[in-house]
Amino acid sequence: MKFIAFDLETTGIKPKEDMIVEIGAVLFDGNRAVKGYGVLINPGCPIPPDASAVNGITNEMVAGKPKITEVLADFADFCGDLPLVAHNAPFDFKFLLEDIKLHRSTAPTGVVLDTLPLARKVFPGLPNYKLGTLVRHFGFPSGTFHRAEEDSTYCGLLFDRIIQTLEKRREPCGMADLIRLIGKSEMRFPQYAPQSNQLDLF
């Protein structure tokens, strides 16, 4: 299965107030990382020290980097119509959704899946389901955490492990099956027609 694993780093945890400072994504074909995408973004505001302490991204690092408006279309092109996966996906989804709606930008068209509830359902009984805990549990090669492209790679490996496990159990693992397993409404980004004021929902 081909899919896109993605992750964001932000200035805080509130999508309507805080800003994206990094987008990372990795194209996977099964358990093989085929191509990576990573870009730092100038949020147009100072990065709080607490946020820098988590992700290591400083104001100096984003100075002169592109604004989110210069990045969204490239990110959409990278993702295309492939399924997208993220760990605690609603967090990343809501941040991107705010900017996509604000700027009426091109957006990925694939469904967005959350590896957090999937891991809870498929691998019950673990101490917790933080991405770092799962990476260590499965022995995935790892370096640092809380940088977008690296965390995307970990998420992609986790998603592939989920699919492999379901297949070995002979349990259904199509897109509709995974959405049902997550137990929440399907997540998709709105699609805006170029040079149009009308919202096209595909």
C-alpha atoms as a PDB file:
ATOM      1  CA  MET A   1       0.000   0.000   0.000  1.00  0.00           C
ATOM      2  CA  LYS A   2       1.227   3.469  -0.864  1.00  0.00           C
ATOM      3  CA  PHE A   3       0.472   6.248   1.593  1.00  0.00           C
ATOM      4  CA  ILE A   4       1.793   9.527   2.996  1.00  0.00           C
ATOM      5  CA  ALA A   5       2.840   9.816   6.635  1.00  0.00           C
ATOM      6  CA  PHE A   6       2.977  13.415   7.827  1.00  0.00           C
ATOM      7  CA  ASP A   7       3.637  15.498  10.915  1.00  0.00           C
ATOM      8  CA  LEU A   8       3.715  19.159  11.937  1.00  0.00           C
ATOM      9  CA  GLU A   9       5.649  21.223  14.443  1.00  0.00           C
ATOM     10  CA  THR A  10       3.872  24.322  15.728  1.00  0.00           C
ATOM     11  CA  THR A  11       4.245  27.322  18.018  1.00  0.00           C
ATOM     12  CA  GLY A  12       1.659  25.866  20.417  1.00  0.00           C
ATOM     13  CA  ILE A  13      -1.364  23.609  20.690  1.00  0.00           C
ATOM     14  CA  LYS A  14      -4.238  25.903  19.624  1.00  0.00           C
ATOM     15  CA  PRO A  15      -4.978  25.733  15.863  1.00  0.00           C
ATOM     16  CA  LYS A  16      -6.871  29.024  15.819  1.00  0.00           C
ATOM     17  CA  GLU A  17      -4.101  30.920  17.633  1.00  0.00           C
ATOM     18  CA  ASP A  18      -0.802  29.133  17.032  1.00  0.00           C
ATOM     19  CA  MET A  19       1.124  28.646  13.809  1.00  0.00           C
ATOM     20  CA  ILE A  20       2.839  25.863  11.877  1.00  0.00           C
ATOM     21  CA  VAL A  21       6.651  26.079  11.854  1.00  0.00           C
ATOM     22  CA  GLU A  22       7.479  22.820  10.081  1.00  0.00           C
ATOM     23  CA  ILE A  23       5.768  20.323   7.801  1.00  0.00           C
ATOM     24  CA  GLY A  24       7.278  16.898   7.269  1.00  0.00           C
ATOM     25  CA  ALA A  25       5.969  14.057   5.152  1.00  0.00           C
ATOM     26  CA  VAL A  26       7.230  10.752   3.787  1.00  0.00           C
ATOM     27  CA  LEU A  27       5.870   8.745   0.874  1.00  0.00           C
ATOM     28  CA  PHE A  28       5.738   5.063   1.818  1.00  0.00           C
ATOM     29  CA  ASP A  29       5.301   1.963  -0.291  1.00  0.00           C
ATOM     30  CA  GLY A  30       4.593  -0.672   2.337  1.00  0.00           C
ATOM     31  CA  ASN A  31       7.367  -0.415   4.919  1.00  0.00           C
ATOM     32  CA  ARG A  32       9.723   1.346   2.486  1.00  0.00           C
ATOM     33  CA  ALA A  33      10.207   5.093   2.730  1.00  0.00           C
ATOM     34  CA  VAL A  34      10.367   6.186  -0.914  1.00  0.00           C
ATOM     35  CA  LYS A  35      10.607   9.965  -0.741  1.00  0.00           C
ATOM     36  CA  GLY A  36      10.717  12.612   1.965  1.00  0.00           C
ATOM     37  CA  TYR A  37       9.390  16.140   2.201  1.00  0.00           C
ATOM     38  CA  GLY A  38      10.409  18.603   4.889  1.00  0.00           C
ATOM     39  CA  VAL A  39      10.181  22.366   5.109  1.00  0.00           C
ATOM     40  CA  LEU A  40      10.620  24.947   7.843  1.00  0.00           C
ATOM     41  CA  ILE A  41       8.032  27.729   7.803  1.00  0.00           C
ATOM     42  CA  ASN A  42       8.264  31.311   8.984  1.00  0.00           C
ATOM     43  CA  PRO A  43       5.195  31.654  11.237  1.00  0.00           C
ATOM     44  CA  GLY A  44       5.272  35.452  11.136  1.00  0.00           C
ATOM     45  CA  CYS A  45       5.501  35.614  14.920  1.00  0.00           C
ATOM     46  CA  PRO A  46       8.062  34.727  17.594  1.00  0.00           C
ATOM     47  CA  ILE A  47       8.298  31.047  18.521  1.00  0.00           C
ATOM     48  CA  PRO A  48       7.645  30.673  22.273  1.00  0.00           C
ATOM     49  CA  PRO A  49      10.565  29.228  24.260  1.00  0.00           C
ATOM     50  CA  ASP A  50       8.368  26.344  25.434  1.00  0.00           C
ATOM     51  CA  ALA A  51       7.731  25.300  21.830  1.00  0.00           C
ATOM     52  CA  SER A  52      11.421  25.567  20.917  1.00  0.00           C
ATOM     53  CA  ALA A  53      12.259  23.426  23.945  1.00  0.00           C
ATOM     54  CA  VAL A  54      10.069  20.635  22.522  1.00  0.00           C
ATOM     55  CA  ASN A  55      10.973  20.677  18.829  1.00  0.00           C
ATOM     56  CA  GLY A  56      14.324  22.478  18.814  1.00  0.00           C
ATOM     57  CA  ILE A  57      13.135  24.964  16.189  1.00  0.00           C
ATOM     58  CA  THR A  58      14.246  28.517  16.915  1.00  0.00           C
ATOM     59  CA  ASN A  59      13.378  31.942  15.544  1.00  0.00           C
ATOM     60  CA  GLU A  60      16.797  32.042  13.851  1.00  0.00           C
ATOM     61  CA  MET A  61      16.051  28.778  12.021  1.00  0.00           C
ATOM     62  CA  VAL A  62      12.829  30.066  10.478  1.00  0.00           C
ATOM     63  CA  ALA A  63      14.077  33.558   9.602  1.00  0.00           C
ATOM     64  CA  GLY A  64      13.870  33.932   5.825  1.00  0.00           C
ATOM     65  CA  LYS A  65      11.952  30.681   5.372  1.00  0.00           C
ATOM     66  CA  PRO A  66       8.740  30.594   3.304  1.00  0.00           C
ATOM     67  CA  LYS A  67       5.352  31.528   4.707  1.00  0.00           C
ATOM     68  CA  ILE A  68       2.655  28.872   4.976  1.00  0.00           C
ATOM     69  CA  THR A  69       0.969  30.323   1.868  1.00  0.00           C
ATOM     70  CA  GLU A  70       4.074  29.420  -0.148  1.00  0.00           C
ATOM     71  CA  VAL A  71       4.122  25.848   1.135  1.00  0.00           C
ATOM     72  CA  LEU A  72       0.569  24.500   1.116  1.00  0.00           C
ATOM     73  CA  ALA A  73       0.335  23.883  -2.641  1.00  0.00           C
ATOM     74  CA  ASP A  74       3.688  22.055  -2.709  1.00  0.00           C
ATOM     75  CA  PHE A  75       2.587  19.900   0.214  1.00  0.00           C
ATOM     76  CA  ALA A  76      -0.662  19.092  -1.581  1.00  0.00           C
ATOM     77  CA  ASP A  77       1.267  18.155  -4.734  1.00  0.00           C
ATOM     78  CA  PHE A  78       3.518  15.848  -2.711  1.00  0.00           C
ATOM     79  CA  CYS A  79       0.543  14.084  -1.131  1.00  0.00           C
ATOM     80  CA  GLY A  80      -1.705  13.911  -4.187  1.00  0.00           C
ATOM     81  CA  ASP A  81      -4.672  11.601  -3.661  1.00  0.00           C
ATOM     82  CA  LEU A  82      -2.894   9.064  -1.475  1.00  0.00           C
ATOM     83  CA  PRO A  83      -4.173   8.229   2.020  1.00  0.00           C
ATOM     84  CA  LEU A  84      -2.488  10.279   4.742  1.00  0.00           C
ATOM     85  CA  VAL A  85      -1.577   9.021   8.207  1.00  0.00           C
ATOM     86  CA  ALA A  86      -0.487  10.900  11.309  1.00  0.00           C
ATOM     87  CA  HIS A  87      -0.158  10.061  15.001  1.00  0.00           C
ATOM     88  CA  ASN A  88      -2.878  11.937  16.869  1.00  0.00           C
ATOM     89  CA  ALA A  89      -4.006  13.078  13.437  1.00  0.00           C
ATOM     90  CA  PRO A  90      -6.768  15.502  14.558  1.00  0.00           C
ATOM     91  CA  PHE A  91      -4.070  17.817  15.943  1.00  0.00           C
ATOM     92  CA  ASP A  92      -2.204  18.072  12.641  1.00  0.00           C
ATOM     93  CA  PHE A  93      -5.414  18.023  10.599  1.00  0.00           C
ATOM     94  CA  LYS A  94      -6.938  20.982  12.457  1.00  0.00           C
ATOM     95  CA  PHE A  95      -3.796  23.111  12.061  1.00  0.00           C
ATOM     96  CA  LEU A  96      -3.616  22.491   8.320  1.00  0.00           C
ATOM     97  CA  LEU A  97      -7.367  22.930   7.977  1.00  0.00           C
ATOM     98  CA  GLU A  98      -7.187  26.415   9.497  1.00  0.00           C
ATOM     99  CA  ASP A  99      -4.607  27.566   6.934  1.00  0.00           C
ATOM    100  CA  ILE A 100      -6.232  25.779   4.000  1.00  0.00           C
ATOM    101  CA  LYS A 101      -9.592  27.433   4.770  1.00  0.00           C
ATOM    102  CA  LEU A 102      -8.052  30.838   5.497  1.00  0.00           C
ATOM    103  CA  HIS A 103      -6.078  30.955   2.254  1.00  0.00           C
ATOM    104  CA  ARG A 104      -8.445  28.785   0.163  1.00  0.00           C
ATOM    105  CA  SER A 105      -5.418  26.748  -0.738  1.00  0.00           C
ATOM    106  CA  THR A 106      -4.908  23.579  -2.695  1.00  0.00           C
ATOM    107  CA  ALA A 107      -5.046  20.615  -0.304  1.00  0.00           C
ATOM    108  CA  PRO A 108      -4.343  16.876  -0.310  1.00  0.00           C
ATOM    109  CA  THR A 109      -7.384  14.906  -1.459  1.00  0.00           C
ATOM    110  CA  GLY A 110      -6.777  11.606   0.359  1.00  0.00           C
ATOM    111  CA  VAL A 111      -8.485  10.494   3.547  1.00  0.00           C
ATOM    112  CA  VAL A 112      -6.580  11.237   6.791  1.00  0.00           C
ATOM    113  CA  LEU A 113      -6.116   8.304   9.191  1.00  0.00           C
ATOM    114  CA  ASP A 114      -4.999   8.392  12.826  1.00  0.00           C
ATOM    115  CA  THR A 115      -2.440   5.806  13.950  1.00  0.00           C
ATOM    116  CA  LEU A 116      -3.094   6.561  17.642  1.00  0.00           C
ATOM    117  CA  PRO A 117      -6.530   4.882  17.977  1.00  0.00           C
ATOM    118  CA  LEU A 118      -5.486   2.248  15.436  1.00  0.00           C
ATOM    119  CA  ALA A 119      -2.507   1.278  17.599  1.00  0.00           C
ATOM    120  CA  ARG A 120      -4.705   1.166  20.698  1.00  0.00           C
ATOM    121  CA  LYS A 121      -7.130  -1.218  18.978  1.00  0.00           C
ATOM    122  CA  VAL A 122      -4.559  -3.432  17.238  1.00  0.00           C
ATOM    123  CA  PHE A 123      -1.927  -3.551  20.018  1.00  0.00           C
ATOM    124  CA  PRO A 124      -3.864  -3.472  23.314  1.00  0.00           C
ATOM    125  CA  GLY A 125      -2.137  -3.572  26.691  1.00  0.00           C
ATOM    126  CA  LEU A 126       0.870  -1.317  26.090  1.00  0.00           C
ATOM    127  CA  PRO A 127       1.857   1.131  28.878  1.00  0.00           C
ATOM    128  CA  ASN A 128       0.936   4.105  26.663  1.00  0.00           C
ATOM    129  CA  TYR A 129       0.581   4.930  22.996  1.00  0.00           C
ATOM    130  CA  LYS A 130       2.954   7.843  22.565  1.00  0.00           C
ATOM    131  CA  LEU A 131       4.815   7.614  19.273  1.00  0.00           C
ATOM    132  CA  GLY A 132       8.174   7.282  21.037  1.00  0.00           C
ATOM    133  CA  THR A 133       6.877   4.415  23.170  1.00  0.00           C
ATOM    134  CA  LEU A 134       5.594   2.564  20.112  1.00  0.00           C
ATOM    135  CA  VAL A 135       8.826   3.127  18.181  1.00  0.00           C
ATOM    136  CA  ARG A 136      10.837   1.632  21.033  1.00  0.00           C
ATOM    137  CA  HIS A 137       8.348  -1.211  21.535  1.00  0.00           C
ATOM    138  CA  PHE A 138       8.685  -2.342  17.932  1.00  0.00           C
ATOM    139  CA  GLY A 139      12.409  -1.622  17.718  1.00  0.00           C
ATOM    140  CA  PHE A 140      12.153   0.764  14.772  1.00  0.00           C
ATOM    141  CA  PRO A 141      15.431   2.552  13.961  1.00  0.00           C
ATOM    142  CA  SER A 142      15.180   5.948  15.618  1.00  0.00           C
ATOM    143  CA  GLY A 143      17.108   9.099  16.324  1.00  0.00           C
ATOM    144  CA  THR A 144      15.491  12.272  17.564  1.00  0.00           C
ATOM    145  CA  PHE A 145      11.790  12.909  18.086  1.00  0.00           C
ATOM    146  CA  HIS A 146       9.672  16.050  17.609  1.00  0.00           C
ATOM    147  CA  ARG A 147      11.032  16.983  14.200  1.00  0.00           C
ATOM    148  CA  ALA A 148       8.414  16.659  11.526  1.00  0.00           C
ATOM    149  CA  GLU A 149      10.064  14.515   8.852  1.00  0.00           C
ATOM    150  CA  GLU A 150      11.584  12.080  11.343  1.00  0.00           C
ATOM    151  CA  ASP A 151       8.314  11.682  13.224  1.00  0.00           C
ATOM    152  CA  SER A 152       6.597  11.122   9.866  1.00  0.00           C
ATOM    153  CA  THR A 153       8.962   8.224   9.200  1.00  0.00           C
ATOM    154  CA  TYR A 154       8.183   6.657  12.582  1.00  0.00           C
ATOM    155  CA  CYS A 155       4.465   7.088  11.965  1.00  0.00           C
ATOM    156  CA  GLY A 156       4.738   5.461   8.547  1.00  0.00           C
ATOM    157  CA  LEU A 157       6.557   2.450   9.963  1.00  0.00           C
ATOM    158  CA  LEU A 158       3.906   2.154  12.665  1.00  0.00           C
ATOM    159  CA  PHE A 159       1.068   2.310  10.140  1.00  0.00           C
ATOM    160  CA  ASP A 160       2.695  -0.399   8.026  1.00  0.00           C
ATOM    161  CA  ARG A 161       3.081  -2.572  11.155  1.00  0.00           C
ATOM    162  CA  ILE A 162      -0.629  -2.065  11.890  1.00  0.00           C
ATOM    163  CA  ILE A 163      -1.557  -3.154   8.355  1.00  0.00           C
ATOM    164  CA  GLN A 164       0.776  -6.147   8.453  1.00  0.00           C
ATOM    165  CA  THR A 165      -0.647  -7.245  11.793  1.00  0.00           C
ATOM    166  CA  LEU A 166      -4.245  -7.000  10.591  1.00  0.00           C
ATOM    167  CA  GLU A 167      -3.354  -8.955   7.449  1.00  0.00           C
ATOM    168  CA  LYS A 168      -1.689 -11.708   9.488  1.00  0.00           C
ATOM    169  CA  ARG A 169      -4.811 -11.923  11.631  1.00  0.00           C
ATOM    170  CA  ARG A 170      -6.886 -12.091   8.435  1.00  0.00           C
ATOM    171  CA  GLU A 171      -8.807  -9.040   9.545  1.00  0.00           C
ATOM    172  CA  PRO A 172     -10.093  -6.527   6.963  1.00  0.00           C
ATOM    173  CA  CYS A 173      -7.811  -3.525   6.482  1.00  0.00           C
ATOM    174  CA  GLY A 174      -9.215  -1.514   3.604  1.00  0.00           C
ATOM    175  CA  MET A 175      -9.736   2.229   4.019  1.00  0.00           C
ATOM    176  CA  ALA A 176     -13.366   1.825   5.098  1.00  0.00           C
ATOM    177  CA  ASP A 177     -12.345  -0.897   7.562  1.00  0.00           C
ATOM    178  CA  LEU A 178      -9.634   1.291   9.092  1.00  0.00           C
ATOM    179  CA  ILE A 179     -12.022   4.221   9.460  1.00  0.00           C
ATOM    180  CA  ARG A 180     -14.508   1.968  11.238  1.00  0.00           C
ATOM    181  CA  LEU A 181     -11.718   0.690  13.482  1.00  0.00           C
ATOM    182  CA  ILE A 182     -10.759   4.259  14.398  1.00  0.00           C
ATOM    183  CA  GLY A 183     -14.393   4.823  15.354  1.00  0.00           C
ATOM    184  CA  LYS A 184     -14.621   8.486  14.338  1.00  0.00           C
ATOM    185  CA  SER A 185     -15.841  10.436  11.352  1.00  0.00           C
ATOM    186  CA  GLU A 186     -13.715  10.407   8.217  1.00  0.00           C
ATOM    187  CA  MET A 187     -11.256  13.302   7.944  1.00  0.00           C
ATOM    188  CA  ARG A 188     -10.670  14.993   4.588  1.00  0.00           C
ATOM    189  CA  PHE A 189      -9.491  18.458   3.673  1.00  0.00           C
ATOM    190  CA  PRO A 190     -11.883  20.740   1.771  1.00  0.00           C
ATOM    191  CA  GLN A 191     -11.117  21.179  -1.906  1.00  0.00           C
ATOM    192  CA  TYR A 192     -11.201  24.688  -3.345  1.00  0.00           C
ATOM    193  CA  ALA A 193     -11.537  25.219  -7.075  1.00  0.00           C
ATOM    194  CA  PRO A 194      -8.767  27.471  -8.458  1.00  0.00           C
ATOM    195  CA  GLN A 195      -9.828  31.096  -8.892  1.00  0.00           C
ATOM    196  CA  SER A 196     -13.204  30.330  -7.383  1.00  0.00           C
ATOM    197  CA  ASN A 197     -15.131  31.516  -4.390  1.00  0.00           C
ATOM    198  CA  GLN A 198     -17.178  28.339  -4.273  1.00  0.00           C
ATOM    199  CA  LEU A 199     -16.181  25.437  -2.055  1.00  0.00           C
ATOM    200  CA  ASP A 200     -16.024  22.149  -3.934  1.00  0.00           C
ATOM    201  CA  LEU A 201     -16.280  19.171  -1.639  1.00  0.00           C
ATOM    202  CA  PHE A 202     -14.987  16.055  -3.350  1.00  0.00           C
END
